[in-house]
Each structure stands twice: as structure tokens, then as C-alpha cells.
Amino acid sequence: MTEIKNIGCECVEPKSFVLDIPSGLDYLFILTHTPALFWVNGEITEYPAYSAVLFHPNQRVYYRASGGNFINDWIRFSTTESYITATSLPRGIPFPMKDPEYCSKLIQLIFSEIFLNNEKDSYRELSIDYLMMVLMNKLKESYYSCNTTPRHHELLKLRKQILNNPNHNWTVEKMADYLHVSSGYLQALYKNAFGISCMDDVINGRIRMAKEYLIQSTYSIAEIATMCGYNNVEHFCRQFKKVSGCTPGEFRSKIESSVQKEAL
């Protein structure tokens, strides 16, 4: 069981902020949104924004702002859960987060369970335990990842834009401008980070969107092609078949046939 003692989301501290607790506290997790200075192995070291650190009970806690306001998410808690007490994550040593926005949202959800939901809700503690387990899994995923680069967070934002809006008029040049890098460098960074080229991500996103329209709407194939960012319906059909192994018309026919069989 995990008991949340206190929690904060996107807390803004002044540039004079210092937290120094020589004897430690309970468990303390911090996710920074700005650079910060931490006491690690007897030295004060600056760590960049989007670093995570987990302090264990009775471990010295020292960190402070680095030049400007300090923004962070944090959770102080006690626990008997082995996935935390026996974790292989380093104690009190910051490490970079692959997807800090995802983890920040998890902390916001825990905050909501603590302060915004009814304390008598029978599912409240279970929800908190599940959210903490997911958070710890994301921490381990980041710690053991070899793909976190200084530009990783910018690449994540770009990929989210692509996957949420594949119908936009994406080109490699426009994506490169988004990151202020050359087209060739972007393609190398993107493939290394996600294992797929940026334009293949666009195409796959468009085909996923097209399938949803084919399944859930009565739009014509030409209309769907336009809605998914294609100016030419023949080009759309060729890409759809290359990705899916069948044409849009064949895909829709299979879906309609499957629905009819289920209705019998």
C-alpha cells in the first residue's frame, strides 16, 4: 500500500528556493521542469530540466533553483510496495525523462485523486496504487533507455503533432523547421528515436485516420482521401494498399461483410 503524504503539480518556486533536509523524509519523488542543482555524492551538480529523482527515506535531500524560478512536480509518500522499495532506480541521483509530459499528467491524476475526489470513494486507493505503478514503470523505462538525447523532448512534441494531425500538409522540410535543424539531420534523429521515418509516421497516421472514416462513416473514398490530407485519390489508394494490403474499397467491403455476419 502507498500513502501519499503531500503532492504538488507544476509548483513555481523563486530563484532563492533551497530545500535542505540532512536526515531525509519519507520517499520523495521530484520531476523538474527547469534546471536545478542537486547534492549528489557529496557535490552540488546542475541537472537539466525534465530530470527525475527518487529519494528514499532517511536519505539526505538537497536541491535548489539554478539561476531562475524553479518549477517542479513532486510527491512525498510512504509505501510498502516492493516495486518501489526494491526498485533498481538510483537513490537520490537525477536522470533524464523520455516523456516528462506523460509523467507530469500521471502526477496530476494522482493529485486529483488526493484532493478532488471523495475520500470515502472505495476505488480511490486502488486508483492511486495503479497510477503510482505506472509512474514507476515510466521512470524505469526512461532510466534504462539509450535513446534520450538533448532533442528528444522536441522530437516527442513533433511526433505528437504528427500523430494527432496527420492530415496536415507535412513535409520533411516543415518538420525540420519545427526543430530548427536540417532535413537530413531531422530524419536521422527521428529514425533513431522512434525506429520509423518521419514521413512513414505521417503516412501511417493518415491510413489509421482513413480506416476510422471507412469503418464509422459513409463518406466516399474521394472525400476520405481529402479529409486525410491527400490531394489525389489515386495516390491515397496506392498508399492505403501498400500499408494495409488492400484498397480502401476492399477494406470497407470486408468491414461491412463482417458486420452483416455478426448481425445474423
C-alpha atoms as a PDB file:
ATOM      1  CA  MET A   1       0.000   0.000   0.000  1.00  0.00           C
ATOM      2  CA  THR A   2       1.137   3.544  -0.767  1.00  0.00           C
ATOM      3  CA  GLU A   3       0.111   6.585   1.268  1.00  0.00           C
ATOM      4  CA  ILE A   4       0.542   9.989  -0.354  1.00  0.00           C
ATOM      5  CA  LYS A   5       1.617  12.446   2.345  1.00  0.00           C
ATOM      6  CA  ASN A   6       1.647  15.502   0.063  1.00  0.00           C
ATOM      7  CA  ILE A   7       1.888  16.315  -3.618  1.00  0.00           C
ATOM      8  CA  GLY A   8       2.424  19.304  -5.901  1.00  0.00           C
ATOM      9  CA  CYS A   9       1.924  19.898  -9.629  1.00  0.00           C
ATOM     10  CA  GLU A  10       3.897  22.438 -11.645  1.00  0.00           C
ATOM     11  CA  CYS A  11       4.852  24.283  -8.454  1.00  0.00           C
ATOM     12  CA  VAL A  12       6.738  27.518  -9.116  1.00  0.00           C
ATOM     13  CA  GLU A  13       9.433  28.387  -6.570  1.00  0.00           C
ATOM     14  CA  PRO A  14      11.514  31.614  -6.525  1.00  0.00           C
ATOM     15  CA  LYS A  15      15.129  31.661  -7.668  1.00  0.00           C
ATOM     16  CA  SER A  16      16.142  31.754  -3.974  1.00  0.00           C
ATOM     17  CA  PHE A  17      14.479  28.362  -3.355  1.00  0.00           C
ATOM     18  CA  VAL A  18      16.531  25.792  -1.390  1.00  0.00           C
ATOM     19  CA  LEU A  19      15.380  22.550   0.220  1.00  0.00           C
ATOM     20  CA  ASP A  20      17.929  21.013   2.593  1.00  0.00           C
ATOM     21  CA  ILE A  21      16.858  18.115   4.836  1.00  0.00           C
ATOM     22  CA  PRO A  22      20.019  16.370   6.141  1.00  0.00           C
ATOM     23  CA  SER A  23      18.136  13.448   7.729  1.00  0.00           C
ATOM     24  CA  GLY A  24      15.734  12.938   4.859  1.00  0.00           C
ATOM     25  CA  LEU A  25      11.987  12.465   4.861  1.00  0.00           C
ATOM     26  CA  ASP A  26       9.691   9.794   3.545  1.00  0.00           C
ATOM     27  CA  TYR A  27      10.019   8.771  -0.074  1.00  0.00           C
ATOM     28  CA  LEU A  28      10.256  11.901  -2.205  1.00  0.00           C
ATOM     29  CA  PHE A  29       9.890  11.952  -5.974  1.00  0.00           C
ATOM     30  CA  ILE A  30      10.682  15.083  -7.991  1.00  0.00           C
ATOM     31  CA  LEU A  31      10.197  15.823 -11.675  1.00  0.00           C
ATOM     32  CA  THR A  32      11.866  19.087 -12.692  1.00  0.00           C
ATOM     33  CA  HIS A  33      10.541  21.415 -15.387  1.00  0.00           C
ATOM     34  CA  THR A  34      13.542  23.755 -15.142  1.00  0.00           C
ATOM     35  CA  PRO A  35      17.260  23.213 -14.445  1.00  0.00           C
ATOM     36  CA  ALA A  36      18.134  22.620 -10.779  1.00  0.00           C
ATOM     37  CA  LEU A  37      21.121  21.972  -8.515  1.00  0.00           C
ATOM     38  CA  PHE A  38      21.198  18.701  -6.555  1.00  0.00           C
ATOM     39  CA  TRP A  39      23.548  17.385  -3.873  1.00  0.00           C
ATOM     40  CA  VAL A  40      24.838  14.091  -5.292  1.00  0.00           C
ATOM     41  CA  ASN A  41      27.766  12.082  -3.914  1.00  0.00           C
ATOM     42  CA  GLY A  42      28.998  14.982  -1.837  1.00  0.00           C
ATOM     43  CA  GLU A  43      28.922  17.572  -4.635  1.00  0.00           C
ATOM     44  CA  ILE A  44      26.444  20.157  -5.894  1.00  0.00           C
ATOM     45  CA  THR A  45      25.711  19.407  -9.545  1.00  0.00           C
ATOM     46  CA  GLU A  46      23.395  21.109 -12.016  1.00  0.00           C
ATOM     47  CA  TYR A  47      20.914  18.882 -13.842  1.00  0.00           C
ATOM     48  CA  PRO A  48      18.817  19.975 -16.830  1.00  0.00           C
ATOM     49  CA  ALA A  49      15.070  20.422 -16.990  1.00  0.00           C
ATOM     50  CA  TYR A  50      12.949  17.266 -17.210  1.00  0.00           C
ATOM     51  CA  SER A  51      15.072  15.306 -14.774  1.00  0.00           C
ATOM     52  CA  ALA A  52      13.551  12.839 -12.317  1.00  0.00           C
ATOM     53  CA  VAL A  53      14.897  11.851  -8.910  1.00  0.00           C
ATOM     54  CA  LEU A  54      13.658   9.463  -6.243  1.00  0.00           C
ATOM     55  CA  PHE A  55      14.844   9.958  -2.663  1.00  0.00           C
ATOM     56  CA  HIS A  56      14.412   7.093  -0.192  1.00  0.00           C
ATOM     57  CA  PRO A  57      13.504   7.524   3.494  1.00  0.00           C
ATOM     58  CA  ASN A  58      16.325   8.846   5.720  1.00  0.00           C
ATOM     59  CA  GLN A  59      18.372   9.887   2.690  1.00  0.00           C
ATOM     60  CA  ARG A  60      19.695  13.436   2.605  1.00  0.00           C
ATOM     61  CA  VAL A  61      17.614  15.727   0.411  1.00  0.00           C
ATOM     62  CA  TYR A  62      19.214  18.853  -1.023  1.00  0.00           C
ATOM     63  CA  TYR A  63      18.249  20.718  -4.143  1.00  0.00           C
ATOM     64  CA  ARG A  64      17.798  24.329  -5.175  1.00  0.00           C
ATOM     65  CA  ALA A  65      16.907  26.609  -8.037  1.00  0.00           C
ATOM     66  CA  SER A  66      19.513  27.242 -10.706  1.00  0.00           C
ATOM     67  CA  GLY A  67      19.535  30.879 -11.755  1.00  0.00           C
ATOM     68  CA  GLY A  68      15.788  31.440 -12.116  1.00  0.00           C
ATOM     69  CA  ASN A  69      12.420  30.265 -10.855  1.00  0.00           C
ATOM     70  CA  PHE A  70      12.297  26.548 -10.141  1.00  0.00           C
ATOM     71  CA  ILE A  71       9.304  24.609 -11.475  1.00  0.00           C
ATOM     72  CA  ASN A  72       8.642  21.008 -10.496  1.00  0.00           C
ATOM     73  CA  ASP A  73       6.148  18.243  -9.759  1.00  0.00           C
ATOM     74  CA  TRP A  74       6.700  16.295  -6.556  1.00  0.00           C
ATOM     75  CA  ILE A  75       5.227  13.547  -4.404  1.00  0.00           C
ATOM     76  CA  ARG A  76       6.086  12.767  -0.772  1.00  0.00           C
ATOM     77  CA  PHE A  77       4.834   9.339   0.240  1.00  0.00           C
ATOM     78  CA  SER A  78       5.302   6.191   2.285  1.00  0.00           C
ATOM     79  CA  THR A  79       4.932   2.729   0.820  1.00  0.00           C
ATOM     80  CA  THR A  80       5.309  -0.985   1.423  1.00  0.00           C
ATOM     81  CA  GLU A  81       5.102  -1.854  -2.267  1.00  0.00           C
ATOM     82  CA  SER A  82       8.136  -3.840  -3.417  1.00  0.00           C
ATOM     83  CA  TYR A  83       8.082  -2.270  -6.890  1.00  0.00           C
ATOM     84  CA  ILE A  84       9.179   0.918  -5.084  1.00  0.00           C
ATOM     85  CA  THR A  85      11.048  -0.310  -2.003  1.00  0.00           C
ATOM     86  CA  ALA A  86      13.154  -2.746  -4.045  1.00  0.00           C
ATOM     87  CA  THR A  87      13.422  -0.644  -7.196  1.00  0.00           C
ATOM     88  CA  SER A  88      16.656  -0.673  -9.154  1.00  0.00           C
ATOM     89  CA  LEU A  89      16.380   3.065  -9.793  1.00  0.00           C
ATOM     90  CA  PRO A  90      19.233   5.131  -8.358  1.00  0.00           C
ATOM     91  CA  ARG A  91      18.694   6.697  -4.942  1.00  0.00           C
ATOM     92  CA  GLY A  92      18.775  10.474  -4.995  1.00  0.00           C
ATOM     93  CA  ILE A  93      20.500  10.731  -8.376  1.00  0.00           C
ATOM     94  CA  PRO A  94      18.611  12.637 -11.112  1.00  0.00           C
ATOM     95  CA  PHE A  95      18.234  11.121 -14.572  1.00  0.00           C
ATOM     96  CA  PRO A  96      16.585  12.399 -17.786  1.00  0.00           C
ATOM     97  CA  MET A  97      12.943  11.603 -18.547  1.00  0.00           C
ATOM     98  CA  LYS A  98      11.961  10.397 -22.014  1.00  0.00           C
ATOM     99  CA  ASP A  99       8.400  11.748 -21.810  1.00  0.00           C
ATOM    100  CA  PRO A 100       8.118  14.202 -18.913  1.00  0.00           C
ATOM    101  CA  GLU A 101       4.716  15.429 -20.092  1.00  0.00           C
ATOM    102  CA  TYR A 102       3.284  11.919 -19.692  1.00  0.00           C
ATOM    103  CA  CYS A 103       4.683  11.595 -16.164  1.00  0.00           C
ATOM    104  CA  SER A 104       3.521  15.077 -15.262  1.00  0.00           C
ATOM    105  CA  LYS A 105      -0.016  14.110 -16.263  1.00  0.00           C
ATOM    106  CA  LEU A 106       0.206  10.991 -14.084  1.00  0.00           C
ATOM    107  CA  ILE A 107       1.135  13.202 -11.133  1.00  0.00           C
ATOM    108  CA  GLN A 108      -1.799  15.495 -11.928  1.00  0.00           C
ATOM    109  CA  LEU A 109      -4.113  12.466 -11.888  1.00  0.00           C
ATOM    110  CA  ILE A 110      -2.747  11.391  -8.501  1.00  0.00           C
ATOM    111  CA  PHE A 111      -3.255  14.976  -7.295  1.00  0.00           C
ATOM    112  CA  SER A 112      -6.891  14.777  -8.437  1.00  0.00           C
ATOM    113  CA  GLU A 113      -7.437  11.502  -6.594  1.00  0.00           C
ATOM    114  CA  ILE A 114      -5.999  13.023  -3.400  1.00  0.00           C
ATOM    115  CA  PHE A 115      -7.652  16.424  -3.370  1.00  0.00           C
ATOM    116  CA  LEU A 116     -10.523  16.475  -5.850  1.00  0.00           C
ATOM    117  CA  ASN A 117     -12.272  13.142  -5.234  1.00  0.00           C
ATOM    118  CA  ASN A 118     -14.319  11.978  -2.271  1.00  0.00           C
ATOM    119  CA  GLU A 119     -12.082  10.481   0.420  1.00  0.00           C
ATOM    120  CA  LYS A 120     -14.706   7.761   1.008  1.00  0.00           C
ATOM    121  CA  ASP A 121     -14.550   6.581  -2.603  1.00  0.00           C
ATOM    122  CA  SER A 122     -13.800   2.865  -2.339  1.00  0.00           C
ATOM    123  CA  TYR A 123     -11.760   2.920  -5.567  1.00  0.00           C
ATOM    124  CA  ARG A 124      -9.606   5.901  -4.586  1.00  0.00           C
ATOM    125  CA  GLU A 125      -6.699   3.993  -3.005  1.00  0.00           C
ATOM    126  CA  LEU A 126      -6.714   1.410  -5.785  1.00  0.00           C
ATOM    127  CA  SER A 127      -6.556   4.156  -8.413  1.00  0.00           C
ATOM    128  CA  ILE A 128      -3.622   5.796  -6.616  1.00  0.00           C
ATOM    129  CA  ASP A 129      -1.757   2.478  -6.430  1.00  0.00           C
ATOM    130  CA  TYR A 130      -2.267   1.853 -10.149  1.00  0.00           C
ATOM    131  CA  LEU A 131      -1.136   5.374 -11.057  1.00  0.00           C
ATOM    132  CA  MET A 132       1.962   5.045  -8.870  1.00  0.00           C
ATOM    133  CA  MET A 133       2.785   1.720 -10.508  1.00  0.00           C
ATOM    134  CA  VAL A 134       2.524   3.244 -13.975  1.00  0.00           C
ATOM    135  CA  LEU A 135       4.674   6.183 -12.857  1.00  0.00           C
ATOM    136  CA  MET A 136       7.396   3.858 -11.569  1.00  0.00           C
ATOM    137  CA  ASN A 137       7.284   1.855 -14.795  1.00  0.00           C
ATOM    138  CA  LYS A 138       7.783   5.050 -16.819  1.00  0.00           C
ATOM    139  CA  LEU A 139      10.711   6.021 -14.595  1.00  0.00           C
ATOM    140  CA  LYS A 140      12.421   2.684 -15.181  1.00  0.00           C
ATOM    141  CA  GLU A 141      11.696   2.909 -18.902  1.00  0.00           C
ATOM    142  CA  SER A 142      13.435   6.293 -19.009  1.00  0.00           C
ATOM    143  CA  TYR A 143      16.349   5.274 -16.803  1.00  0.00           C
ATOM    144  CA  TYR A 144      17.204   2.204 -18.860  1.00  0.00           C
ATOM    145  CA  SER A 145      16.619   3.853 -22.228  1.00  0.00           C
ATOM    146  CA  CYS A 146      19.538   4.610 -24.531  1.00  0.00           C
ATOM    147  CA  ASN A 147      17.546   6.938 -26.806  1.00  0.00           C
ATOM    148  CA  THR A 148      17.180  10.020 -24.619  1.00  0.00           C
ATOM    149  CA  THR A 149      19.045  12.835 -26.350  1.00  0.00           C
ATOM    150  CA  PRO A 150      19.021  16.599 -25.723  1.00  0.00           C
ATOM    151  CA  ARG A 151      16.488  16.967 -28.566  1.00  0.00           C
ATOM    152  CA  HIS A 152      14.292  14.060 -27.502  1.00  0.00           C
ATOM    153  CA  HIS A 153      11.640  16.244 -25.882  1.00  0.00           C
ATOM    154  CA  GLU A 154      11.357  18.392 -29.005  1.00  0.00           C
ATOM    155  CA  LEU A 155      11.057  15.233 -31.125  1.00  0.00           C
ATOM    156  CA  LEU A 156       8.275  13.962 -28.849  1.00  0.00           C
ATOM    157  CA  LYS A 157       6.335  17.191 -29.298  1.00  0.00           C
ATOM    158  CA  LEU A 158       6.780  16.954 -33.065  1.00  0.00           C
ATOM    159  CA  ARG A 159       5.636  13.325 -33.163  1.00  0.00           C
ATOM    160  CA  LYS A 160       2.556  14.125 -31.080  1.00  0.00           C
ATOM    161  CA  GLN A 161       1.699  16.878 -33.550  1.00  0.00           C
ATOM    162  CA  ILE A 162       2.131  14.453 -36.463  1.00  0.00           C
ATOM    163  CA  LEU A 163       0.096  11.629 -34.931  1.00  0.00           C
ATOM    164  CA  ASN A 164      -2.704  13.936 -33.780  1.00  0.00           C
ATOM    165  CA  ASN A 165      -2.833  15.836 -37.084  1.00  0.00           C
ATOM    166  CA  PRO A 166      -1.601  13.503 -39.850  1.00  0.00           C
ATOM    167  CA  ASN A 167      -3.889  15.241 -42.358  1.00  0.00           C
ATOM    168  CA  HIS A 168      -1.816  18.427 -42.205  1.00  0.00           C
ATOM    169  CA  ASN A 169       0.411  19.224 -45.169  1.00  0.00           C
ATOM    170  CA  TRP A 170       3.520  17.697 -43.605  1.00  0.00           C
ATOM    171  CA  THR A 171       6.840  17.714 -45.434  1.00  0.00           C
ATOM    172  CA  VAL A 172      10.306  16.838 -44.188  1.00  0.00           C
ATOM    173  CA  GLU A 173      11.277  20.477 -44.654  1.00  0.00           C
ATOM    174  CA  LYS A 174       8.393  21.723 -42.481  1.00  0.00           C
ATOM    175  CA  MET A 175       9.220  19.189 -39.770  1.00  0.00           C
ATOM    176  CA  ALA A 176      12.879  20.214 -39.866  1.00  0.00           C
ATOM    177  CA  ASP A 177      11.879  23.870 -39.494  1.00  0.00           C
ATOM    178  CA  TYR A 178       9.820  22.887 -36.438  1.00  0.00           C
ATOM    179  CA  LEU A 179      13.059  21.733 -34.765  1.00  0.00           C
ATOM    180  CA  HIS A 180      15.314  24.326 -36.453  1.00  0.00           C
ATOM    181  CA  VAL A 181      17.566  21.629 -37.936  1.00  0.00           C
ATOM    182  CA  SER A 182      18.434  20.453 -41.437  1.00  0.00           C
ATOM    183  CA  SER A 183      16.175  17.948 -43.197  1.00  0.00           C
ATOM    184  CA  GLY A 184      18.852  15.254 -43.218  1.00  0.00           C
ATOM    185  CA  TYR A 185      19.631  15.698 -39.524  1.00  0.00           C
ATOM    186  CA  LEU A 186      15.938  15.563 -38.611  1.00  0.00           C
ATOM    187  CA  GLN A 187      15.451  12.289 -40.467  1.00  0.00           C
ATOM    188  CA  ALA A 188      18.430  10.722 -38.688  1.00  0.00           C
ATOM    189  CA  LEU A 189      17.250  11.959 -35.268  1.00  0.00           C
ATOM    190  CA  TYR A 190      13.661  10.825 -35.837  1.00  0.00           C
ATOM    191  CA  LYS A 191      14.568   7.343 -37.080  1.00  0.00           C
ATOM    192  CA  ASN A 192      16.991   6.845 -34.197  1.00  0.00           C
ATOM    193  CA  ALA A 193      14.411   7.962 -31.611  1.00  0.00           C
ATOM    194  CA  PHE A 194      11.317   6.134 -32.873  1.00  0.00           C
ATOM    195  CA  GLY A 195      12.534   3.433 -35.263  1.00  0.00           C
ATOM    196  CA  ILE A 196      10.496   4.842 -38.146  1.00  0.00           C
ATOM    197  CA  SER A 197      10.998   7.679 -40.619  1.00  0.00           C
ATOM    198  CA  CYS A 198       9.058  10.896 -40.084  1.00  0.00           C
ATOM    199  CA  MET A 199       7.207  10.611 -43.409  1.00  0.00           C
ATOM    200  CA  ASP A 200       6.298   6.966 -42.750  1.00  0.00           C
ATOM    201  CA  ASP A 201       4.820   8.174 -39.455  1.00  0.00           C
ATOM    202  CA  VAL A 202       2.724  10.697 -41.394  1.00  0.00           C
ATOM    203  CA  ILE A 203       1.564   8.051 -43.889  1.00  0.00           C
ATOM    204  CA  ASN A 204       0.702   5.518 -41.172  1.00  0.00           C
ATOM    205  CA  GLY A 205      -1.212   8.189 -39.273  1.00  0.00           C
ATOM    206  CA  ARG A 206      -3.190   9.110 -42.388  1.00  0.00           C
ATOM    207  CA  ILE A 207      -4.053   5.476 -43.103  1.00  0.00           C
ATOM    208  CA  ARG A 208      -5.193   4.947 -39.500  1.00  0.00           C
ATOM    209  CA  MET A 209      -7.422   8.009 -39.830  1.00  0.00           C
ATOM    210  CA  ALA A 210      -8.764   6.760 -43.176  1.00  0.00           C
ATOM    211  CA  LYS A 211      -9.648   3.376 -41.681  1.00  0.00           C
ATOM    212  CA  GLU A 212     -11.678   5.060 -38.961  1.00  0.00           C
ATOM    213  CA  TYR A 213     -13.630   7.014 -41.577  1.00  0.00           C
ATOM    214  CA  LEU A 214     -14.144   3.853 -43.650  1.00  0.00           C
ATOM    215  CA  ILE A 215     -15.413   1.966 -40.598  1.00  0.00           C
ATOM    216  CA  GLN A 216     -17.537   4.652 -38.967  1.00  0.00           C
ATOM    217  CA  SER A 217     -18.812   6.899 -41.772  1.00  0.00           C
ATOM    218  CA  THR A 218     -20.494   6.860 -45.165  1.00  0.00           C
ATOM    219  CA  TYR A 219     -18.105   9.374 -46.747  1.00  0.00           C
ATOM    220  CA  SER A 220     -16.957   8.475 -50.240  1.00  0.00           C
ATOM    221  CA  ILE A 221     -13.395   7.315 -50.757  1.00  0.00           C
ATOM    222  CA  ALA A 222     -12.589  10.573 -52.543  1.00  0.00           C
ATOM    223  CA  GLU A 223     -13.958  12.579 -49.595  1.00  0.00           C
ATOM    224  CA  ILE A 224     -11.947  10.489 -47.130  1.00  0.00           C
ATOM    225  CA  ALA A 225      -8.788  10.990 -49.188  1.00  0.00           C
ATOM    226  CA  THR A 226      -9.199  14.763 -48.931  1.00  0.00           C
ATOM    227  CA  MET A 227     -10.006  14.623 -45.205  1.00  0.00           C
ATOM    228  CA  CYS A 228      -6.832  12.620 -44.608  1.00  0.00           C
ATOM    229  CA  GLY A 229      -4.556  15.111 -46.351  1.00  0.00           C
ATOM    230  CA  TYR A 230      -4.417  13.701 -49.884  1.00  0.00           C
ATOM    231  CA  ASN A 231      -4.914  15.898 -52.944  1.00  0.00           C
ATOM    232  CA  ASN A 232      -5.091  12.904 -55.251  1.00  0.00           C
ATOM    233  CA  VAL A 233      -7.437   9.951 -54.632  1.00  0.00           C
ATOM    234  CA  GLU A 234      -5.330   7.583 -56.731  1.00  0.00           C
ATOM    235  CA  HIS A 235      -2.253   8.387 -54.633  1.00  0.00           C
ATOM    236  CA  PHE A 236      -4.315   7.792 -51.499  1.00  0.00           C
ATOM    237  CA  CYS A 237      -5.492   4.384 -52.766  1.00  0.00           C
ATOM    238  CA  ARG A 238      -1.935   3.343 -53.681  1.00  0.00           C
ATOM    239  CA  GLN A 239      -0.588   4.255 -50.238  1.00  0.00           C
ATOM    240  CA  PHE A 240      -3.544   2.630 -48.498  1.00  0.00           C
ATOM    241  CA  LYS A 241      -2.937  -0.646 -50.334  1.00  0.00           C
ATOM    242  CA  LYS A 242       0.809  -0.502 -49.697  1.00  0.00           C
ATOM    243  CA  VAL A 243       0.246  -0.109 -45.940  1.00  0.00           C
ATOM    244  CA  SER A 244      -2.880  -2.260 -45.498  1.00  0.00           C
ATOM    245  CA  GLY A 245      -2.578  -4.871 -48.254  1.00  0.00           C
ATOM    246  CA  CYS A 246      -5.943  -3.936 -49.756  1.00  0.00           C
ATOM    247  CA  THR A 247      -7.649  -0.939 -51.360  1.00  0.00           C
ATOM    248  CA  PRO A 248      -9.940   1.373 -49.350  1.00  0.00           C
ATOM    249  CA  GLY A 249     -12.952  -0.112 -51.157  1.00  0.00           C
ATOM    250  CA  GLU A 250     -11.890  -3.665 -50.314  1.00  0.00           C
ATOM    251  CA  PHE A 251     -11.283  -2.657 -46.697  1.00  0.00           C
ATOM    252  CA  ARG A 252     -14.769  -1.145 -46.386  1.00  0.00           C
ATOM    253  CA  SER A 253     -16.349  -4.207 -48.032  1.00  0.00           C
ATOM    254  CA  LYS A 254     -14.615  -6.509 -45.510  1.00  0.00           C
ATOM    255  CA  ILE A 255     -15.907  -4.412 -42.622  1.00  0.00           C
ATOM    256  CA  GLU A 256     -19.461  -4.358 -43.990  1.00  0.00           C
ATOM    257  CA  SER A 257     -19.367  -8.131 -44.600  1.00  0.00           C
ATOM    258  CA  SER A 258     -18.118  -8.728 -41.033  1.00  0.00           C
ATOM    259  CA  VAL A 259     -20.902  -6.568 -39.570  1.00  0.00           C
ATOM    260  CA  GLN A 260     -23.535  -8.399 -41.586  1.00  0.00           C
ATOM    261  CA  LYS A 261     -22.275 -11.804 -40.372  1.00  0.00           C
ATOM    262  CA  GLU A 262     -22.384 -10.649 -36.751  1.00  0.00           C
ATOM    263  CA  ALA A 263     -25.969  -9.456 -37.222  1.00  0.00           C
ATOM    264  CA  LEU A 264     -27.130 -12.899 -38.405  1.00  0.00           C
END
